[in-house]
C-alpha atoms as a PDB file:
ATOM      1  CA  MET A   1     165.307  34.191-207.659  1.00  0.00           C
ATOM      2  CA  ASP A   2     164.446  31.888-205.660  1.00  0.00           C
ATOM      3  CA  PHE A   3     166.525  31.919-202.569  1.00  0.00           C
ATOM      4  CA  GLY A   4     164.951  29.004-200.847  1.00  0.00           C
ATOM      5  CA  LEU A   5     163.194  30.094-197.683  1.00  0.00           C
ATOM      6  CA  ASN A   6     160.381  29.787-198.592  1.00  0.00           C
ATOM      7  CA  GLY A   7     158.585  28.267-194.871  1.00  0.00           C
ATOM      8  CA  LYS A   8     162.032  28.676-192.857  1.00  0.00           C
ATOM      9  CA  TYR A   9     161.215  30.236-189.360  1.00  0.00           C
ATOM     10  CA  GLY A  10     163.898  33.399-188.145  1.00  0.00           C
ATOM     11  CA  PHE A  11     164.143  35.895-185.637  1.00  0.00           C
ATOM     12  CA  VAL A  12     165.972  39.733-186.083  1.00  0.00           C
ATOM     13  CA  ALA A  13     167.063  40.919-183.442  1.00  0.00           C
ATOM     14  CA  GLY A  14     166.510  45.723-183.489  1.00  0.00           C
ATOM     15  CA  GLY A  15     164.081  44.295-186.305  1.00  0.00           C
ATOM     16  CA  GLY A  16     161.144  46.909-184.877  1.00  0.00           C
ATOM     17  CA  ARG A  17     162.932  50.389-187.293  1.00  0.00           C
ATOM     18  CA  GLY A  18     165.973  51.258-189.989  1.00  0.00           C
ATOM     19  CA  ILE A  19     167.356  48.772-191.180  1.00  0.00           C
ATOM     20  CA  GLY A  20     166.659  45.376-189.294  1.00  0.00           C
ATOM     21  CA  LYS A  21     162.990  46.726-190.122  1.00  0.00           C
ATOM     22  CA  ALA A  22     164.156  46.345-193.654  1.00  0.00           C
ATOM     23  CA  ILE A  23     165.394  42.934-193.246  1.00  0.00           C
ATOM     24  CA  ALA A  24     162.578  41.443-191.705  1.00  0.00           C
ATOM     25  CA  ARG A  25     159.860  42.246-194.780  1.00  0.00           C
ATOM     26  CA  GLU A  26     162.327  41.272-197.036  1.00  0.00           C
ATOM     27  CA  LEU A  27     162.187  37.943-195.490  1.00  0.00           C
ATOM     28  CA  SER A  28     158.655  37.798-194.795  1.00  0.00           C
ATOM     29  CA  ILE A  29     158.016  38.734-198.706  1.00  0.00           C
ATOM     30  CA  GLU A  30     160.673  35.411-199.179  1.00  0.00           C
ATOM     31  CA  GLY A  31     158.588  33.754-198.004  1.00  0.00           C
ATOM     32  CA  MET A  32     159.378  32.771-193.597  1.00  0.00           C
ATOM     33  CA  ASP A  33     157.495  33.135-190.810  1.00  0.00           C
ATOM     34  CA  ILE A  34     159.965  35.620-188.176  1.00  0.00           C
ATOM     35  CA  VAL A  35     160.154  36.461-184.452  1.00  0.00           C
ATOM     36  CA  ILE A  36     161.255  40.866-184.483  1.00  0.00           C
ATOM     37  CA  ALA A  37     161.966  42.249-180.771  1.00  0.00           C
ATOM     38  CA  SER A  38     163.175  44.863-179.339  1.00  0.00           C
ATOM     39  CA  ARG A  39     163.107  46.779-176.263  1.00  0.00           C
ATOM     40  CA  SER A  40     160.068  49.107-177.646  1.00  0.00           C
ATOM     41  CA  LEU A  41     156.965  46.510-177.547  1.00  0.00           C
ATOM     42  CA  ASP A  42     154.681  49.739-178.853  1.00  0.00           C
ATOM     43  CA  GLN A  43     157.215  50.050-182.185  1.00  0.00           C
ATOM     44  CA  LEU A  44     157.425  45.950-182.424  1.00  0.00           C
ATOM     45  CA  GLN A  45     153.457  45.773-182.808  1.00  0.00           C
ATOM     46  CA  SER A  46     153.141  48.805-185.419  1.00  0.00           C
ATOM     47  CA  THR A  47     155.995  46.929-187.177  1.00  0.00           C
ATOM     48  CA  ALA A  48     154.521  43.427-186.840  1.00  0.00           C
ATOM     49  CA  GLU A  49     151.107  44.397-188.475  1.00  0.00           C
ATOM     50  CA  GLU A  50     152.709  46.055-191.311  1.00  0.00           C
ATOM     51  CA  ILE A  51     154.625  43.790-192.548  1.00  0.00           C
ATOM     52  CA  GLN A  52     152.018  41.353-192.011  1.00  0.00           C
ATOM     53  CA  LYS A  53     148.998  42.922-193.897  1.00  0.00           C
ATOM     54  CA  GLU A  54     151.850  43.048-196.675  1.00  0.00           C
ATOM     55  CA  THR A  55     153.546  39.327-196.915  1.00  0.00           C
ATOM     56  CA  GLY A  56     150.931  37.598-194.901  1.00  0.00           C
ATOM     57  CA  ARG A  57     153.620  36.371-192.919  1.00  0.00           C
ATOM     58  CA  LYS A  58     153.877  35.446-189.562  1.00  0.00           C
ATOM     59  CA  VAL A  59     155.474  38.009-187.601  1.00  0.00           C
ATOM     60  CA  VAL A  60     155.869  38.391-184.242  1.00  0.00           C
ATOM     61  CA  PRO A  61     157.044  40.954-181.968  1.00  0.00           C
ATOM     62  CA  MET A  62     158.470  40.042-178.578  1.00  0.00           C
ATOM     63  CA  VAL A  63     160.750  42.555-175.898  1.00  0.00           C
ATOM     64  CA  VAL A  64     164.336  42.165-175.175  1.00  0.00           C
ATOM     65  CA  ASP A  65     167.003  43.735-173.565  1.00  0.00           C
ATOM     66  CA  VAL A  66     169.881  42.104-175.553  1.00  0.00           C
ATOM     67  CA  THR A  67     172.148  43.517-172.676  1.00  0.00           C
ATOM     68  CA  ASP A  68     170.695  40.723-170.288  1.00  0.00           C
ATOM     69  CA  ARG A  69     171.435  37.104-171.180  1.00  0.00           C
ATOM     70  CA  SER A  70     168.933  35.452-168.636  1.00  0.00           C
ATOM     71  CA  GLN A  71     166.152  38.075-171.007  1.00  0.00           C
ATOM     72  CA  VAL A  72     167.949  36.639-174.338  1.00  0.00           C
ATOM     73  CA  GLU A  73     168.250  33.406-173.683  1.00  0.00           C
ATOM     74  CA  LYS A  74     164.296  33.631-172.870  1.00  0.00           C
ATOM     75  CA  VAL A  75     163.787  35.021-176.234  1.00  0.00           C
ATOM     76  CA  ILE A  76     165.379  32.963-178.040  1.00  0.00           C
ATOM     77  CA  ASP A  77     163.536  29.970-177.068  1.00  0.00           C
ATOM     78  CA  ALA A  78     160.524  31.240-176.724  1.00  0.00           C
ATOM     79  CA  ALA A  79     160.381  32.166-180.008  1.00  0.00           C
ATOM     80  CA  VAL A  80     161.339  28.563-181.308  1.00  0.00           C
ATOM     81  CA  LYS A  81     158.506  27.842-179.523  1.00  0.00           C
ATOM     82  CA  GLU A  82     156.565  29.535-180.912  1.00  0.00           C
ATOM     83  CA  LEU A  83     158.060  29.024-184.981  1.00  0.00           C
ATOM     84  CA  GLY A  84     158.457  25.619-184.730  1.00  0.00           C
ATOM     85  CA  GLY A  85     162.194  26.127-184.758  1.00  0.00           C
ATOM     86  CA  LEU A  86     164.745  28.391-186.219  1.00  0.00           C
ATOM     87  CA  HIS A  87     167.564  28.852-189.266  1.00  0.00           C
ATOM     88  CA  ILE A  88     168.530  32.329-189.344  1.00  0.00           C
ATOM     89  CA  LEU A  89     169.750  34.906-186.680  1.00  0.00           C
ATOM     90  CA  VAL A  90     169.798  38.356-188.218  1.00  0.00           C
ATOM     91  CA  ASN A  91     171.275  40.701-184.985  1.00  0.00           C
ATOM     92  CA  SER A  92     170.962  44.106-185.887  1.00  0.00           C
ATOM     93  CA  ALA A  93     170.386  45.059-182.308  1.00  0.00           C
ATOM     94  CA  SER A  94     172.316  48.447-181.875  1.00  0.00           C
ATOM     95  CA  LEU A  95     171.454  52.483-180.521  1.00  0.00           C
ATOM     96  CA  PRO A  96     172.276  54.479-184.092  1.00  0.00           C
ATOM     97  CA  GLY A  97     174.753  56.414-183.505  1.00  0.00           C
ATOM     98  CA  GLY A  98     176.698  55.854-180.494  1.00  0.00           C
ATOM     99  CA  SER A  99     175.997  56.891-177.360  1.00  0.00           C
ATOM    100  CA  PRO A 100     177.216  60.925-178.253  1.00  0.00           C
ATOM    101  CA  THR A 101     179.501  60.947-174.680  1.00  0.00           C
ATOM    102  CA  ALA A 102     181.166  58.080-176.062  1.00  0.00           C
ATOM    103  CA  ILE A 103     181.962  58.739-179.859  1.00  0.00           C
ATOM    104  CA  GLY A 104     184.241  61.914-179.903  1.00  0.00           C
ATOM    105  CA  ALA A 105     187.262  62.872-177.978  1.00  0.00           C
ATOM    106  CA  ILE A 106     189.387  61.137-176.111  1.00  0.00           C
ATOM    107  CA  GLU A 107     189.084  63.009-173.432  1.00  0.00           C
ATOM    108  CA  THR A 108     184.903  63.625-173.362  1.00  0.00           C
ATOM    109  CA  VAL A 109     184.192  59.890-173.604  1.00  0.00           C
ATOM    110  CA  VAL A 110     182.268  58.519-170.169  1.00  0.00           C
ATOM    111  CA  ASP A 111     183.788  55.122-169.332  1.00  0.00           C
ATOM    112  CA  GLU A 112     180.274  53.726-168.796  1.00  0.00           C
ATOM    113  CA  ASP A 113     178.326  54.606-171.845  1.00  0.00           C
ATOM    114  CA  LEU A 114     180.429  53.274-174.632  1.00  0.00           C
ATOM    115  CA  LEU A 115     180.836  50.458-172.261  1.00  0.00           C
ATOM    116  CA  ASN A 116     177.096  50.220-172.510  1.00  0.00           C
ATOM    117  CA  ASP A 117     177.115  50.675-176.484  1.00  0.00           C
ATOM    118  CA  PHE A 118     179.348  47.922-176.941  1.00  0.00           C
ATOM    119  CA  ASP A 119     176.820  45.432-174.912  1.00  0.00           C
ATOM    120  CA  VAL A 120     174.442  46.480-176.393  1.00  0.00           C
ATOM    121  CA  LYS A 121     175.895  45.431-179.744  1.00  0.00           C
ATOM    122  CA  TYR A 122     179.323  43.096-179.517  1.00  0.00           C
ATOM    123  CA  VAL A 123     177.965  40.739-176.898  1.00  0.00           C
ATOM    124  CA  GLY A 124     174.181  41.172-177.202  1.00  0.00           C
ATOM    125  CA  ALA A 125     174.779  39.860-180.501  1.00  0.00           C
ATOM    126  CA  LEU A 126     177.707  37.433-178.814  1.00  0.00           C
ATOM    127  CA  ARG A 127     174.201  36.728-176.453  1.00  0.00           C
ATOM    128  CA  CYS A 128     171.815  35.832-178.742  1.00  0.00           C
ATOM    129  CA  ALA A 129     173.933  33.690-181.229  1.00  0.00           C
ATOM    130  CA  ARG A 130     175.420  31.669-178.635  1.00  0.00           C
ATOM    131  CA  ALA A 131     171.635  31.268-177.405  1.00  0.00           C
ATOM    132  CA  ALA A 132     170.919  30.738-180.804  1.00  0.00           C
ATOM    133  CA  ILE A 133     173.186  28.287-181.765  1.00  0.00           C
ATOM    134  CA  PRO A 134     171.764  24.958-180.602  1.00  0.00           C
ATOM    135  CA  HIS A 135     168.806  25.463-182.572  1.00  0.00           C
ATOM    136  CA  LEU A 136     169.835  25.627-185.686  1.00  0.00           C
ATOM    137  CA  LYS A 137     172.711  23.177-185.219  1.00  0.00           C
ATOM    138  CA  ALA A 138     169.344  21.075-184.750  1.00  0.00           C
ATOM    139  CA  GLN A 139     168.152  22.197-187.894  1.00  0.00           C
ATOM    140  CA  GLY A 140     171.381  21.029-189.754  1.00  0.00           C
ATOM    141  CA  TRP A 141     171.052  24.369-191.283  1.00  0.00           C
ATOM    142  CA  GLY A 142     171.873  27.825-189.913  1.00  0.00           C
ATOM    143  CA  ARG A 143     173.128  31.606-190.749  1.00  0.00           C
ATOM    144  CA  ILE A 144     173.750  33.814-189.255  1.00  0.00           C
ATOM    145  CA  ILE A 145     174.140  37.967-190.432  1.00  0.00           C
ATOM    146  CA  ASN A 146     175.473  40.293-188.373  1.00  0.00           C
ATOM    147  CA  ILE A 147     174.819  43.903-189.008  1.00  0.00           C
ATOM    148  CA  SER A 148     177.775  46.111-188.478  1.00  0.00           C
ATOM    149  CA  GLY A 149     179.300  49.094-189.921  1.00  0.00           C
ATOM    150  CA  THR A 150     182.060  50.707-191.869  1.00  0.00           C
ATOM    151  CA  ASN A 151     183.244  53.122-188.848  1.00  0.00           C
ATOM    152  CA  ALA A 152     184.984  49.866-187.877  1.00  0.00           C
ATOM    153  CA  ARG A 153     187.008  50.851-191.038  1.00  0.00           C
ATOM    154  CA  THR A 154     187.147  54.491-190.202  1.00  0.00           C
ATOM    155  CA  ALA A 155     188.970  55.937-187.596  1.00  0.00           C
ATOM    156  CA  GLY A 156     187.443  58.474-185.295  1.00  0.00           C
ATOM    157  CA  ASN A 157     184.878  57.084-183.732  1.00  0.00           C
ATOM    158  CA  LEU A 158     185.876  55.134-181.081  1.00  0.00           C
ATOM    159  CA  SER A 159     183.546  53.456-180.008  1.00  0.00           C
ATOM    160  CA  GLY A 160     181.387  52.342-183.296  1.00  0.00           C
ATOM    161  CA  GLY A 161     185.473  51.192-184.577  1.00  0.00           C
ATOM    162  CA  ALA A 162     184.928  49.315-180.707  1.00  0.00           C
ATOM    163  CA  ARG A 163     182.312  47.829-181.676  1.00  0.00           C
ATOM    164  CA  ASN A 164     181.992  47.086-185.085  1.00  0.00           C
ATOM    165  CA  GLY A 165     185.533  45.966-185.326  1.00  0.00           C
ATOM    166  CA  SER A 166     184.697  43.198-182.884  1.00  0.00           C
ATOM    167  CA  LEU A 167     181.905  41.881-184.534  1.00  0.00           C
ATOM    168  CA  VAL A 168     182.874  40.971-187.546  1.00  0.00           C
ATOM    169  CA  HIS A 169     186.064  39.415-185.318  1.00  0.00           C
ATOM    170  CA  LEU A 170     182.998  37.523-183.616  1.00  0.00           C
ATOM    171  CA  THR A 171     181.902  36.785-187.610  1.00  0.00           C
ATOM    172  CA  LYS A 172     184.629  34.856-188.088  1.00  0.00           C
ATOM    173  CA  THR A 173     185.373  33.254-184.721  1.00  0.00           C
ATOM    174  CA  LEU A 174     181.752  31.833-185.247  1.00  0.00           C
ATOM    175  CA  SER A 175     181.921  30.610-188.898  1.00  0.00           C
ATOM    176  CA  THR A 176     184.578  28.796-188.399  1.00  0.00           C
ATOM    177  CA  GLN A 177     183.389  27.280-184.936  1.00  0.00           C
ATOM    178  CA  LEU A 178     179.852  26.233-187.131  1.00  0.00           C
ATOM    179  CA  GLY A 179     180.404  25.250-190.180  1.00  0.00           C
ATOM    180  CA  ARG A 180     180.575  21.715-189.954  1.00  0.00           C
ATOM    181  CA  PHE A 181     177.229  22.050-188.675  1.00  0.00           C
ATOM    182  CA  GLY A 182     176.032  23.231-191.371  1.00  0.00           C
ATOM    183  CA  ILE A 183     175.401  26.777-189.835  1.00  0.00           C
ATOM    184  CA  THR A 184     177.147  29.929-192.131  1.00  0.00           C
ATOM    185  CA  VAL A 185     178.065  33.102-190.179  1.00  0.00           C
ATOM    186  CA  ASN A 186     178.752  36.911-192.043  1.00  0.00           C
ATOM    187  CA  CYS A 187     178.228  40.442-191.357  1.00  0.00           C
ATOM    188  CA  VAL A 188     177.406  43.535-193.500  1.00  0.00           C
ATOM    189  CA  HIS A 189     178.735  46.710-193.177  1.00  0.00           C
ATOM    190  CA  PRO A 190     176.300  49.598-193.977  1.00  0.00           C
ATOM    191  CA  GLY A 191     176.961  53.380-194.068  1.00  0.00           C
ATOM    192  CA  THR A 192     174.762  55.778-194.860  1.00  0.00           C
ATOM    193  CA  THR A 193     172.000  55.095-195.196  1.00  0.00           C
ATOM    194  CA  ARG A 194     168.311  55.422-195.764  1.00  0.00           C
ATOM    195  CA  THR A 195     165.813  54.852-192.694  1.00  0.00           C
ATOM    196  CA  GLU A 196     163.306  56.374-191.101  1.00  0.00           C
ATOM    197  CA  ARG A 197     165.195  58.800-189.577  1.00  0.00           C
ATOM    198  CA  THR A 198     166.816  60.099-192.801  1.00  0.00           C
ATOM    199  CA  ALA A 199     164.263  62.560-193.620  1.00  0.00           C
ATOM    200  CA  GLY A 200     164.244  64.050-190.408  1.00  0.00           C
ATOM    201  CA  LEU A 201     168.179  64.361-190.387  1.00  0.00           C
ATOM    202  CA  VAL A 202     168.260  65.378-194.017  1.00  0.00           C
ATOM    203  CA  ALA A 203     165.833  68.489-192.685  1.00  0.00           C
ATOM    204  CA  ALA A 204     167.693  69.537-189.704  1.00  0.00           C
ATOM    205  CA  ARG A 205     170.218  69.695-191.873  1.00  0.00           C
ATOM    206  CA  ALA A 206     168.978  71.839-195.013  1.00  0.00           C
ATOM    207  CA  THR A 207     167.422  74.413-192.042  1.00  0.00           C
ATOM    208  CA  GLU A 208     170.775  74.751-190.803  1.00  0.00           C
ATOM    209  CA  LEU A 209     172.210  75.475-194.111  1.00  0.00           C
ATOM    210  CA  GLY A 210     169.306  77.252-195.872  1.00  0.00           C
ATOM    211  CA  ILE A 211     168.479  75.106-198.929  1.00  0.00           C
ATOM    212  CA  SER A 212     166.246  72.346-199.181  1.00  0.00           C
ATOM    213  CA  ALA A 213     166.199  69.006-198.433  1.00  0.00           C
ATOM    214  CA  GLU A 214     166.429  67.585-202.016  1.00  0.00           C
ATOM    215  CA  GLU A 215     169.178  70.044-202.063  1.00  0.00           C
ATOM    216  CA  VAL A 216     171.160  68.983-199.449  1.00  0.00           C
ATOM    217  CA  GLU A 217     171.338  65.831-201.574  1.00  0.00           C
ATOM    218  CA  LYS A 218     171.904  66.393-204.011  1.00  0.00           C
ATOM    219  CA  GLN A 219     175.168  67.780-202.958  1.00  0.00           C
ATOM    220  CA  ASP A 220     175.698  64.932-200.140  1.00  0.00           C
ATOM    221  CA  TYR A 221     175.796  62.850-203.550  1.00  0.00           C
ATOM    222  CA  GLU A 222     176.957  64.229-206.409  1.00  0.00           C
ATOM    223  CA  PHE A 223     180.125  63.151-207.409  1.00  0.00           C
ATOM    224  CA  GLY A 224     183.749  63.881-206.252  1.00  0.00           C
ATOM    225  CA  SER A 225     181.526  64.362-202.999  1.00  0.00           C
ATOM    226  CA  PRO A 226     183.980  63.613-199.580  1.00  0.00           C
ATOM    227  CA  ARG A 227     180.298  63.092-198.395  1.00  0.00           C
ATOM    228  CA  GLY A 228     179.166  60.990-201.112  1.00  0.00           C
ATOM    229  CA  ASN A 229     179.663  57.509-202.793  1.00  0.00           C
ATOM    230  CA  SER A 230     180.026  55.507-205.988  1.00  0.00           C
ATOM    231  CA  ILE A 231     175.989  55.428-207.372  1.00  0.00           C
ATOM    232  CA  CYS A 232     176.035  59.037-206.587  1.00  0.00           C
ATOM    233  CA  ARG A 233     172.727  58.198-203.898  1.00  0.00           C
ATOM    234  CA  MET A 234     172.314  57.297-200.691  1.00  0.00           C
ATOM    235  CA  VAL A 235     171.809  53.829-200.298  1.00  0.00           C
ATOM    236  CA  ASP A 236     168.431  52.473-199.418  1.00  0.00           C
ATOM    237  CA  ALA A 237     167.439  50.012-196.403  1.00  0.00           C
ATOM    238  CA  SER A 238     165.937  47.566-198.095  1.00  0.00           C
ATOM    239  CA  GLU A 239     169.264  47.000-199.926  1.00  0.00           C
ATOM    240  CA  ILE A 240     170.955  46.328-197.565  1.00  0.00           C
ATOM    241  CA  ALA A 241     168.049  43.685-196.708  1.00  0.00           C
ATOM    242  CA  THR A 242     168.279  42.071-199.857  1.00  0.00           C
ATOM    243  CA  LEU A 243     171.623  41.524-199.627  1.00  0.00           C
ATOM    244  CA  THR A 244     170.957  39.973-195.737  1.00  0.00           C
ATOM    245  CA  ALA A 245     168.904  37.921-197.384  1.00  0.00           C
ATOM    246  CA  PHE A 246     170.635  36.895-199.950  1.00  0.00           C
ATOM    247  CA  LEU A 247     173.232  35.516-197.094  1.00  0.00           C
ATOM    248  CA  ALA A 248     171.032  33.676-195.566  1.00  0.00           C
ATOM    249  CA  SER A 249     169.935  31.831-198.733  1.00  0.00           C
ATOM    250  CA  ASP A 250     170.673  28.548-200.055  1.00  0.00           C
ATOM    251  CA  LYS A 251     172.361  29.816-202.682  1.00  0.00           C
ATOM    252  CA  ALA A 252     175.022  31.575-200.619  1.00  0.00           C
ATOM    253  CA  TRP A 253     177.037  28.391-199.376  1.00  0.00           C
ATOM    254  CA  ALA A 254     179.908  29.083-200.249  1.00  0.00           C
ATOM    255  CA  VAL A 255     180.298  32.496-198.449  1.00  0.00           C
ATOM    256  CA  THR A 256     180.718  32.630-194.933  1.00  0.00           C
ATOM    257  CA  GLY A 257     183.434  34.023-192.763  1.00  0.00           C
ATOM    258  CA  GLU A 258     182.837  37.177-194.714  1.00  0.00           C
ATOM    259  CA  VAL A 259     182.794  40.668-194.192  1.00  0.00           C
ATOM    260  CA  ILE A 260     180.743  42.427-197.219  1.00  0.00           C
ATOM    261  CA  ALA A 261     180.213  46.743-197.237  1.00  0.00           C
ATOM    262  CA  ALA A 262     176.851  47.976-199.128  1.00  0.00           C
ATOM    263  CA  THR A 263     177.951  51.648-199.026  1.00  0.00           C
ATOM    264  CA  GLY A 264     177.077  52.354-202.655  1.00  0.00           C
ATOM    265  CA  GLY A 265     181.019  52.417-202.590  1.00  0.00           C
ATOM    266  CA  ALA A 266     181.833  55.053-200.157  1.00  0.00           C
ATOM    267  CA  GLY A 267     185.821  55.931-199.669  1.00  0.00           C
ATOM    268  CA  ASN A 268     189.166  55.437-202.157  1.00  0.00           C
ATOM    269  CA  ALA A 269     190.469  51.996-199.686  1.00  0.00           C
ATOM    270  CA  VAL A 270     191.343  49.185-201.004  1.00  0.00           C
ATOM    271  CA  TYR A 271     190.614  45.512-199.362  1.00  0.00           C
ATOM    272  CA  TYR A 272     192.316  42.590-199.749  1.00  0.00           C
END
């Protein structure tokens, strides 16, 4: 299917690694020139070179701290100047898993760490959207996709629940404000997803349990396992990227203000 993205321009916050990197790669495969941004220049440069070599598209690394409004505004303006415009914003910047002192029992939560998690993911996405919207309006066509997480739907992680749930609210609010300008806004909830970090995490559990990494995943995702899902395997970051590319596409006009969980069918809750 032709997603109609060839020749469009995108900005992926958090595009240096993980799900953000997979999304940047997929958008480039679809024919887009993009800027990838995060706080780690070395990582960004490596990712940009890798994707450019594979796709032949322009991939520009730019350093930004999304907790700093002035930095966000400067980097979005620089991206527009470098690319020649902006059509698509993907907000995937976050601290994977959140700060260890912001996710546990309430007695152990450190206020400053909880606020920092929230500042990066939720307010960071708000800052990026606010800076990008004038450029999307100038094109008369735009997409904002927020990468959130299923902690929004699961009690327990105080940091993850707060920032991911808030990102859903931002998504719907912006969709109502921007639809008349030709801009759609949607949110994706990944569950447990295979990224560069996965092999190390699985290996650590394998050592702890005294079994192979293959056996860890088999046990986690066999039918009926509380850690598993309906498709009995871990979702790959590339699959989140494909969904994001569809939401960014010219085929997805009817979808805005929505949240799509991409977990392989984890859990038994019914959402309607």
